[in-house]
Amino acid sequence: MLKYVVRRVLQMIPVFLGVTLLLFMLRIPGFLPGDPIQLIVGERELTPALRKQIEEKNRLNDPLPEQYVWYVSNIVQGDLGDSYQKGRPVADILTDKFPNSFRLAFAAIIVEIVIGILAGIISAVKQYSFWDVLVTLSTSILVSVPVFWLGLLLQMFFGIQVREWTGGAFSLPITGMGDPPDLAHIILPAITLASVSTAYVARIMRSQMLEAMSQDYIRTAKAKGLTERVVVFRHALKNALIPVVTFIGIDLGFLMGGAILTESVFQWPGVGREIYLAVLQRDWPVVMGGVIVIVLIVMLVNLIVDISYAILDPRIRYGGAAE
C-alpha cells in the first residue's frame, strides 16, 4: 500500500512542475501586456533606481532557469509573492478567502449528492416512464446551460420576480454571503454551482443502476421474494454508487478550488472571485497563487480518491486491471 501511495505522489510532481512552468511565464517581462514593474509600483513614480531595486528583489535579471528554480522554491515554502494592488502576501489573501469557497463547495456537494443520486435512482427504477424522461431532459438542459447564465436567471426569478409577486414578503438574497453568513445567501449560488455536476451525477447513477439491476444477483434477490425497495437500496445501490462516489470526490476538489463564474455572479467572497478581480486588475501574483492553490487541491483530492479505491479494491494497488 505504501508503494502505491508513493507512486501516486511521484506522478503528481510532473503535473505540479508543468503548471508552475506555465505560470512562471507570466513573470517574464513582455509576455503579458503592460510593464510588471510598473504594476508593482502602482501610482508611484518609477525611477531607474526603484526599477533596479524591484528587479533585484524579484530576481528579474537572473537567467530564466535560475528564476524558475527560485520561483518554485518559494512556492514550496508557501511564499506566493505579494499582491500588486493590496500589498499583502498572496498566501494570506487566499487563506482569508478559502473558508468561504469551502462553505459554498460543501453546500454544492450536498445538493449534488441528494438531488443527483435521487434523480438517477428514480430514472433507472422508472425506466421509460414520465420521470425517466423528465430526468433525462432536465440533465440535458443543465449540462448545456452556461453556469453564469443560470445564476443570472435564478437571481432575476427568486431575487426580483418572486419579491414582486409576494409583495416583498419573500425573496432570496442574490449577492454576498451575509454577515454573519446564513443559509438564505448560500441557496442560489450552491444550486448554480452544483447544476452541471448534479446532471452528471444523475446520468452516471442512472446508467450504473440500470447495469446493476440487470445482474444475476438482483434477479436472485427478486426470486427470493424481496421487496423492490430492499432490492434497489440494499443490493443494487451499493454497487452502483462506486463510480458516483469517485466522480463526487474528484468534483469536490474542483469546487473547493474556486468557482470563478459562480462566485463572480453572486459576488461571493471566495477564492474564485478573488482570482476574477485579480485578472481585471492585472494583479498577476494573486492569479498565479490562486491557480496553484486550485491545482494543489485537485491533486490532493485525486490522491485521496486513488487511495480510497486502493483500500476498497486491492487489485488496484497490486497492478490489476485498473492500473
Protein backbone atom coordinates (compact mmCIF):
# COMPACT_ATOMS: atom_id res chain seq x y z
CA MET A 1 0.00 0.00 0.00
CA LEU A 2 2.83 2.40 0.86
CA LYS A 3 4.49 1.78 -2.51
CA TYR A 4 1.20 2.55 -4.25
CA VAL A 5 0.84 5.87 -2.39
CA VAL A 6 4.45 6.83 -3.10
CA ARG A 7 3.98 6.03 -6.79
CA ARG A 8 0.88 8.21 -6.95
CA VAL A 9 2.66 11.09 -5.20
CA LEU A 10 5.59 10.87 -7.60
CA GLN A 11 3.17 11.04 -10.53
CA MET A 12 1.90 14.36 -9.19
CA ILE A 13 5.32 16.02 -9.37
CA PRO A 14 5.44 16.42 -13.19
CA VAL A 15 1.93 17.90 -13.13
CA PHE A 16 2.95 20.41 -10.48
CA LEU A 17 6.12 21.36 -12.34
CA GLY A 18 4.22 21.75 -15.60
CA VAL A 19 1.70 24.12 -14.02
CA THR A 20 4.37 26.18 -12.29
CA LEU A 21 6.31 26.44 -15.56
CA LEU A 22 3.27 27.85 -17.36
CA LEU A 23 2.61 30.28 -14.52
CA PHE A 24 6.26 31.26 -14.39
CA MET A 25 5.96 32.58 -17.93
CA LEU A 26 3.59 35.26 -16.62
CA ARG A 27 6.52 36.73 -14.72
CA ILE A 28 8.60 37.24 -17.85
CA PRO A 29 8.52 40.92 -18.94
CA GLY A 30 6.81 41.31 -22.31
CA PHE A 31 4.87 38.05 -22.09
CA LEU A 32 1.71 39.87 -20.94
CA PRO A 33 0.57 43.41 -21.82
CA GLY A 34 1.94 46.10 -19.57
CA ASP A 35 5.11 46.52 -17.56
CA PRO A 36 5.04 44.20 -14.49
CA ILE A 37 7.38 46.52 -12.63
CA GLN A 38 5.06 49.47 -13.22
CA LEU A 39 2.19 47.35 -11.90
CA ILE A 40 4.18 46.68 -8.74
CA VAL A 41 4.96 50.38 -8.30
CA GLY A 42 1.38 51.48 -8.90
CA GLU A 43 0.84 55.23 -8.82
CA ARG A 44 4.36 56.00 -7.64
CA GLU A 45 6.96 57.39 -10.00
CA LEU A 46 9.10 54.62 -11.45
CA THR A 47 12.66 55.91 -11.20
CA PRO A 48 15.65 53.97 -12.57
CA ALA A 49 16.83 53.29 -9.02
CA LEU A 50 13.42 51.95 -7.98
CA ARG A 51 13.22 49.78 -11.11
CA LYS A 52 16.64 48.31 -10.35
CA GLN A 53 15.62 47.64 -6.74
CA ILE A 54 12.45 45.78 -7.81
CA GLU A 55 14.31 43.79 -10.46
CA GLU A 56 16.87 42.67 -7.88
CA LYS A 57 14.20 41.81 -5.30
CA ASN A 58 12.27 39.69 -7.81
CA ARG A 59 15.46 38.40 -9.47
CA LEU A 60 14.26 39.51 -12.89
CA ASN A 61 17.82 39.96 -14.12
CA ASP A 62 18.83 36.37 -13.37
CA PRO A 63 18.86 33.74 -16.13
CA LEU A 64 15.43 32.22 -16.67
CA PRO A 65 16.35 28.76 -15.30
CA GLU A 66 17.58 30.34 -12.06
CA GLN A 67 14.44 32.47 -11.86
CA TYR A 68 12.29 29.35 -12.25
CA VAL A 69 14.15 27.44 -9.53
CA TRP A 70 13.81 30.44 -7.21
CA TYR A 71 10.10 30.73 -8.04
CA VAL A 72 9.37 27.05 -7.37
CA SER A 73 11.38 27.07 -4.15
CA ASN A 74 9.31 29.99 -2.88
CA ILE A 75 6.08 28.14 -3.71
CA VAL A 76 7.27 25.05 -1.85
CA GLN A 77 7.94 27.24 1.19
CA GLY A 78 4.44 28.75 0.96
CA ASP A 79 5.58 32.10 -0.42
CA LEU A 80 3.28 33.02 -3.33
CA GLY A 81 4.51 36.59 -3.57
CA ASP A 82 2.77 39.86 -2.73
CA SER A 83 -0.32 41.34 -4.32
CA TYR A 84 0.33 44.32 -6.60
CA GLN A 85 -2.92 46.03 -5.60
CA LYS A 86 -3.22 45.18 -1.90
CA GLY A 87 0.43 44.89 -0.94
CA ARG A 88 -0.35 41.82 1.16
CA PRO A 89 1.10 38.33 0.83
CA VAL A 90 -0.96 36.33 -1.64
CA ALA A 91 -0.95 33.37 0.75
CA ASP A 92 -2.69 35.48 3.41
CA ILE A 93 -5.29 36.75 0.94
CA LEU A 94 -6.16 33.25 -0.27
CA THR A 95 -6.20 31.91 3.29
CA ASP A 96 -8.83 34.50 4.19
CA LYS A 97 -10.99 33.61 1.17
CA PHE A 98 -10.65 29.82 1.20
CA PRO A 99 -13.13 29.14 4.07
CA ASN A 100 -15.82 30.96 2.07
CA SER A 101 -15.12 28.85 -1.01
CA PHE A 102 -15.15 25.70 1.10
CA ARG A 103 -18.53 26.66 2.60
CA LEU A 104 -20.00 27.14 -0.89
CA ALA A 105 -18.41 23.96 -2.26
CA PHE A 106 -19.70 21.89 0.65
CA ALA A 107 -23.25 23.18 0.12
CA ALA A 108 -22.99 22.44 -3.62
CA ILE A 109 -21.81 18.89 -2.91
CA ILE A 110 -24.82 18.32 -0.65
CA VAL A 111 -27.13 19.44 -3.48
CA GLU A 112 -25.20 17.26 -5.91
CA ILE A 113 -25.44 14.16 -3.70
CA VAL A 114 -29.08 14.47 -2.68
CA ILE A 115 -30.66 15.57 -5.95
CA GLY A 116 -28.27 13.84 -8.36
CA ILE A 117 -28.33 10.41 -6.74
CA LEU A 118 -32.06 10.50 -6.04
CA ALA A 119 -32.87 11.58 -9.61
CA GLY A 120 -30.63 8.87 -11.04
CA ILE A 121 -32.27 6.16 -8.92
CA ILE A 122 -35.79 7.26 -9.84
CA SER A 123 -34.87 7.46 -13.52
CA ALA A 124 -33.42 3.94 -13.51
CA VAL A 125 -36.17 2.30 -11.46
CA LYS A 126 -38.90 4.03 -13.52
CA GLN A 127 -37.17 3.48 -16.87
CA TYR A 128 -39.03 4.90 -19.91
CA SER A 129 -41.64 6.47 -17.62
CA PHE A 130 -42.52 10.16 -17.33
CA TRP A 131 -39.96 10.55 -14.52
CA ASP A 132 -37.21 8.97 -16.61
CA VAL A 133 -37.94 11.34 -19.48
CA LEU A 134 -38.07 14.30 -17.09
CA VAL A 135 -34.69 13.45 -15.55
CA THR A 136 -33.09 12.86 -18.96
CA LEU A 137 -34.44 16.13 -20.34
CA SER A 138 -33.52 18.12 -17.23
CA THR A 139 -29.95 16.82 -17.13
CA SER A 140 -29.50 17.58 -20.83
CA ILE A 141 -30.61 21.16 -20.25
CA LEU A 142 -28.41 21.63 -17.17
CA VAL A 143 -25.34 20.34 -18.99
CA SER A 144 -25.99 22.74 -21.87
CA VAL A 145 -26.83 25.90 -19.92
CA PRO A 146 -23.84 28.13 -19.06
CA VAL A 147 -23.38 28.45 -15.31
CA PHE A 148 -23.25 32.24 -15.29
CA TRP A 149 -26.50 32.46 -17.28
CA LEU A 150 -28.27 30.06 -14.92
CA GLY A 151 -27.06 32.16 -11.99
CA LEU A 152 -28.47 35.32 -13.56
CA LEU A 153 -31.81 33.60 -14.20
CA LEU A 154 -32.04 32.45 -10.59
CA GLN A 155 -31.20 35.96 -9.39
CA MET A 156 -33.89 37.52 -11.58
CA PHE A 157 -36.56 34.98 -10.63
CA PHE A 158 -36.00 34.38 -6.89
CA GLY A 159 -34.49 37.76 -6.08
CA ILE A 160 -36.68 40.09 -8.14
CA GLN A 161 -39.71 38.36 -9.67
CA VAL A 162 -40.75 36.40 -6.57
CA ARG A 163 -40.38 39.53 -4.45
CA GLU A 164 -42.80 41.38 -6.74
CA TRP A 165 -45.30 38.50 -6.71
CA THR A 166 -45.26 38.26 -2.92
CA GLY A 167 -45.21 41.99 -2.31
CA GLY A 168 -41.78 41.80 -0.73
CA ALA A 169 -42.81 39.09 1.71
CA PHE A 170 -40.40 36.53 0.28
CA SER A 171 -37.20 36.59 -1.75
CA LEU A 172 -33.74 35.10 -1.65
CA PRO A 173 -30.54 37.18 -1.38
CA ILE A 174 -28.75 37.39 -4.72
CA THR A 175 -25.33 38.74 -3.65
CA GLY A 176 -22.86 38.24 -0.83
CA MET A 177 -23.00 35.61 1.89
CA GLY A 178 -24.46 37.59 4.78
CA ASP A 179 -22.89 38.97 7.92
CA PRO A 180 -22.73 36.62 9.68
CA PRO A 181 -23.09 34.00 6.92
CA ASP A 182 -26.56 32.48 6.74
CA LEU A 183 -28.38 29.75 4.84
CA ALA A 184 -30.50 32.11 2.72
CA HIS A 185 -27.47 33.62 0.99
CA ILE A 186 -25.95 30.28 0.06
CA ILE A 187 -29.01 28.64 -1.55
CA LEU A 188 -28.85 30.21 -5.02
CA PRO A 189 -25.05 30.09 -5.51
CA ALA A 190 -24.95 26.49 -4.25
CA ILE A 191 -27.65 25.42 -6.71
CA THR A 192 -25.89 27.25 -9.53
CA LEU A 193 -22.51 25.78 -8.70
CA ALA A 194 -23.93 22.26 -8.40
CA SER A 195 -26.10 22.38 -11.53
CA VAL A 196 -23.77 20.77 -14.08
CA SER A 197 -22.28 18.28 -11.63
CA THR A 198 -25.74 17.25 -10.43
CA ALA A 199 -26.73 16.47 -14.00
CA TYR A 200 -23.65 14.28 -14.48
CA VAL A 201 -24.23 12.50 -11.16
CA ALA A 202 -27.82 11.74 -12.17
CA ARG A 203 -26.68 10.35 -15.52
CA ILE A 204 -23.94 8.21 -14.02
CA MET A 205 -26.28 6.98 -11.29
CA ARG A 206 -28.94 6.03 -13.85
CA SER A 207 -26.55 4.07 -16.06
CA GLN A 208 -24.93 2.28 -13.12
CA MET A 209 -28.29 1.41 -11.57
CA LEU A 210 -29.57 0.01 -14.88
CA GLU A 211 -26.45 -2.11 -15.19
CA ALA A 212 -26.71 -3.31 -11.58
CA MET A 213 -30.42 -4.13 -11.93
CA SER A 214 -29.63 -6.44 -14.86
CA GLN A 215 -27.17 -8.58 -12.89
CA ASP A 216 -27.86 -12.16 -11.82
CA TYR A 217 -27.72 -11.43 -8.09
CA ILE A 218 -30.55 -8.91 -8.49
CA ARG A 219 -32.70 -11.48 -10.25
CA THR A 220 -31.89 -13.94 -7.47
CA ALA A 221 -32.89 -11.39 -4.83
CA LYS A 222 -36.20 -10.81 -6.60
CA ALA A 223 -36.77 -14.57 -6.90
CA LYS A 224 -36.38 -14.86 -3.13
CA GLY A 225 -39.38 -12.58 -2.72
CA LEU A 226 -37.55 -9.48 -1.52
CA THR A 227 -39.42 -6.20 -1.96
CA GLU A 228 -38.35 -3.77 -4.67
CA ARG A 229 -37.21 -1.27 -2.05
CA VAL A 230 -34.85 -3.81 -0.47
CA VAL A 231 -33.54 -4.96 -3.85
CA VAL A 232 -32.87 -1.40 -5.01
CA PHE A 233 -31.41 0.18 -1.88
CA ARG A 234 -29.71 -2.79 -0.21
CA HIS A 235 -28.33 -4.68 -3.20
CA ALA A 236 -28.23 -2.61 -6.41
CA LEU A 237 -27.41 0.80 -4.92
CA LYS A 238 -24.32 -0.41 -3.06
CA ASN A 239 -22.53 -1.46 -6.24
CA ALA A 240 -23.87 1.35 -8.39
CA LEU A 241 -22.54 4.04 -6.05
CA ILE A 242 -18.83 3.31 -6.56
CA PRO A 243 -18.35 5.34 -9.81
CA VAL A 244 -20.65 8.06 -8.47
CA VAL A 245 -18.62 8.45 -5.29
CA THR A 246 -15.46 8.71 -7.38
CA PHE A 247 -16.94 11.47 -9.53
CA ILE A 248 -18.20 13.39 -6.49
CA GLY A 249 -14.82 13.11 -4.77
CA ILE A 250 -12.98 14.48 -7.78
CA ASP A 251 -15.60 17.17 -8.33
CA LEU A 252 -15.21 18.31 -4.71
CA GLY A 253 -11.60 19.20 -5.49
CA PHE A 254 -12.65 21.43 -8.39
CA LEU A 255 -15.43 23.08 -6.39
CA MET A 256 -13.19 23.77 -3.40
CA GLY A 257 -10.51 25.17 -5.67
CA GLY A 258 -12.67 28.08 -6.66
CA ALA A 259 -15.83 28.50 -8.72
CA ILE A 260 -14.87 31.65 -10.59
CA LEU A 261 -18.08 32.17 -12.57
CA THR A 262 -20.49 31.37 -9.75
CA GLU A 263 -18.63 33.44 -7.15
CA SER A 264 -18.39 36.36 -9.58
CA VAL A 265 -22.10 36.34 -10.48
CA PHE A 266 -23.21 36.18 -6.83
CA GLN A 267 -20.33 38.33 -5.52
CA TRP A 268 -19.40 35.51 -3.18
CA PRO A 269 -16.14 36.48 -1.41
CA GLY A 270 -14.20 33.32 -2.18
CA VAL A 271 -11.03 32.29 -3.97
CA GLY A 272 -12.73 32.22 -7.39
CA ARG A 273 -13.99 35.79 -7.19
CA GLU A 274 -10.61 36.94 -5.87
CA ILE A 275 -8.95 35.44 -8.96
CA TYR A 276 -11.55 37.09 -11.21
CA LEU A 277 -10.93 40.53 -9.66
CA ALA A 278 -7.18 39.99 -9.87
CA VAL A 279 -7.44 39.31 -13.61
CA LEU A 280 -9.35 42.55 -14.13
CA GLN A 281 -6.73 44.47 -12.13
CA ARG A 282 -3.82 42.57 -13.71
CA ASP A 283 -2.75 41.52 -10.23
CA TRP A 284 -0.79 38.54 -11.56
CA PRO A 285 0.65 37.24 -8.24
CA VAL A 286 -2.90 36.68 -6.95
CA VAL A 287 -3.92 34.99 -10.21
CA MET A 288 -0.86 32.74 -10.17
CA GLY A 289 -1.22 31.94 -6.48
CA GLY A 290 -4.91 31.15 -6.88
CA VAL A 291 -4.26 28.78 -9.78
CA ILE A 292 -1.55 27.00 -7.80
CA VAL A 293 -3.91 26.55 -4.84
CA ILE A 294 -6.61 25.14 -7.14
CA VAL A 295 -4.17 22.71 -8.74
CA LEU A 296 -2.86 21.52 -5.38
CA ILE A 297 -6.38 20.97 -4.03
CA VAL A 298 -7.43 19.00 -7.11
CA MET A 299 -4.29 16.84 -6.95
CA LEU A 300 -4.76 16.21 -3.23
CA VAL A 301 -8.40 15.16 -3.65
CA ASN A 302 -7.46 12.92 -6.58
CA LEU A 303 -4.81 11.30 -4.39
CA ILE A 304 -7.35 10.69 -1.61
CA VAL A 305 -9.76 9.14 -4.13
CA ASP A 306 -7.00 6.89 -5.50
CA ILE A 307 -6.04 5.76 -2.01
CA SER A 308 -9.65 5.02 -1.09
CA TYR A 309 -10.00 2.98 -4.28
CA ALA A 310 -6.89 1.03 -3.41
CA ILE A 311 -8.29 0.29 0.03
CA LEU A 312 -11.61 -0.90 -1.38
CA ASP A 313 -10.09 -2.91 -4.23
CA PRO A 314 -6.64 -4.44 -3.52
CA ARG A 315 -6.23 -5.31 -7.21
CA ILE A 316 -5.56 -1.63 -7.94
CA ARG A 317 -2.52 -1.32 -5.67
CA TYR A 318 -1.09 -4.60 -6.92
CA GLY A 319 -1.30 -3.62 -10.56
CA GLY A 320 -4.65 -5.08 -11.52
CA ALA A 321 -6.89 -4.04 -14.35
CA ALA A 322 -7.24 -0.50 -13.02
CA GLU A 323 -3.52 0.02 -13.39
